[in-house]
């Protein structure tokens, strides 16, 4: 539906504004503003946002151990510049 396309466009990080999202979804900005006053649309948007956050958190949980291992490796590598080791230490 148009509303589903609009929600997907609003959640797409490539669209930096409501105007850009509307253009991508083929929905007039005025229509979006009308929809944002409809509880059903807002609820659907919030559900989609929540799902996106959940997916992002799952991905972060999955890659966090590897990221920490890289940071620790950089910190422990005496061949790495002191400034880079300090910056890595600041990330832990």
Protein backbone atom coordinates (compact mmCIF):
# COMPACT_ATOMS: atom_id res chain seq x y z
CA UNK A 1 0.00 0.00 0.00
CA UNK A 2 1.02 3.63 -0.23
CA UNK A 3 1.25 3.87 3.55
CA UNK A 4 3.57 0.84 3.71
CA UNK A 5 5.79 2.40 1.02
CA UNK A 6 5.77 5.64 2.97
CA UNK A 7 6.79 3.94 6.21
CA UNK A 8 9.61 2.10 4.45
CA UNK A 9 10.81 5.36 2.92
CA UNK A 10 10.70 7.15 6.28
CA UNK A 11 12.86 4.43 7.82
CA UNK A 12 15.36 4.42 4.95
CA UNK A 13 18.50 6.29 6.09
CA UNK A 14 19.09 7.40 2.50
CA UNK A 15 16.17 9.80 2.89
CA UNK A 16 17.37 12.69 5.01
CA UNK A 17 14.03 14.45 5.23
CA UNK A 18 10.31 13.84 5.07
CA UNK A 19 10.32 15.51 1.68
CA UNK A 20 12.92 13.05 0.35
CA UNK A 21 11.01 10.10 1.80
CA UNK A 22 7.78 11.36 0.22
CA UNK A 23 9.46 11.71 -3.15
CA UNK A 24 10.85 8.17 -2.92
CA UNK A 25 7.46 6.75 -1.91
CA UNK A 26 5.51 8.78 -4.45
CA UNK A 27 3.40 10.36 -1.73
CA UNK A 28 2.72 14.10 -1.45
CA UNK A 29 4.10 15.73 1.70
CA UNK A 30 0.64 17.00 2.59
CA UNK A 31 -0.65 13.41 2.54
CA UNK A 32 2.12 12.34 4.90
CA UNK A 33 1.20 15.15 7.27
CA UNK A 34 -2.42 14.00 7.17
CA UNK A 35 -1.38 10.42 7.88
CA UNK A 36 0.76 11.54 10.81
CA UNK A 37 -2.49 12.69 12.42
CA UNK A 38 -4.05 9.23 12.03
CA UNK A 39 -3.45 6.96 15.05
CA UNK A 40 -3.38 3.81 12.90
CA UNK A 41 -0.63 5.15 10.65
CA UNK A 42 1.41 6.42 13.59
CA UNK A 43 1.04 3.04 15.32
CA UNK A 44 2.21 1.23 12.18
CA UNK A 45 5.16 3.60 11.88
CA UNK A 46 6.10 3.03 15.54
CA UNK A 47 5.87 -0.76 15.08
CA UNK A 48 8.14 -0.57 12.04
CA UNK A 49 10.61 1.63 13.94
CA UNK A 50 10.59 -0.81 16.84
CA UNK A 51 11.23 -3.75 14.51
CA UNK A 52 14.11 -1.89 12.86
CA UNK A 53 15.66 -1.12 16.25
CA UNK A 54 15.29 -4.75 17.33
CA UNK A 55 17.02 -5.95 14.17
CA UNK A 56 19.83 -3.45 14.63
CA UNK A 57 20.33 -4.49 18.24
CA UNK A 58 20.48 -8.17 17.27
CA UNK A 59 23.11 -7.35 14.67
CA UNK A 60 25.14 -5.34 17.18
CA UNK A 61 24.98 -8.15 19.72
CA UNK A 62 26.22 -10.54 17.04
CA UNK A 63 29.21 -8.44 15.98
CA UNK A 64 30.14 -6.92 19.35
CA UNK A 65 32.52 -9.72 20.41
CA UNK A 66 34.47 -9.44 17.16
CA UNK A 67 34.61 -5.65 17.42
CA UNK A 68 35.90 -5.81 20.98
CA UNK A 69 38.49 -8.41 19.97
CA UNK A 70 39.80 -6.09 17.25
CA UNK A 71 39.98 -3.16 19.66
CA UNK A 72 41.84 -5.25 22.25
CA UNK A 73 44.19 -6.53 19.56
CA UNK A 74 45.01 -2.98 18.45
CA UNK A 75 45.56 -1.91 22.06
CA UNK A 76 47.93 -4.83 22.69
CA UNK A 77 49.92 -4.52 19.45
CA UNK A 78 53.19 -2.77 20.30
CA UNK A 79 53.80 -2.19 16.57
CA UNK A 80 50.72 0.02 16.42
CA UNK A 81 51.28 3.72 17.04
CA UNK A 82 50.71 4.91 20.59
CA UNK A 83 48.03 7.36 19.47
CA UNK A 84 46.05 4.59 17.74
CA UNK A 85 46.38 2.32 20.78
CA UNK A 86 45.10 5.15 23.00
CA UNK A 87 42.15 5.75 20.69
CA UNK A 88 41.35 2.03 20.75
CA UNK A 89 41.56 2.03 24.55
CA UNK A 90 39.05 4.87 24.64
CA UNK A 91 36.53 2.66 22.79
CA UNK A 92 36.46 -0.08 25.42
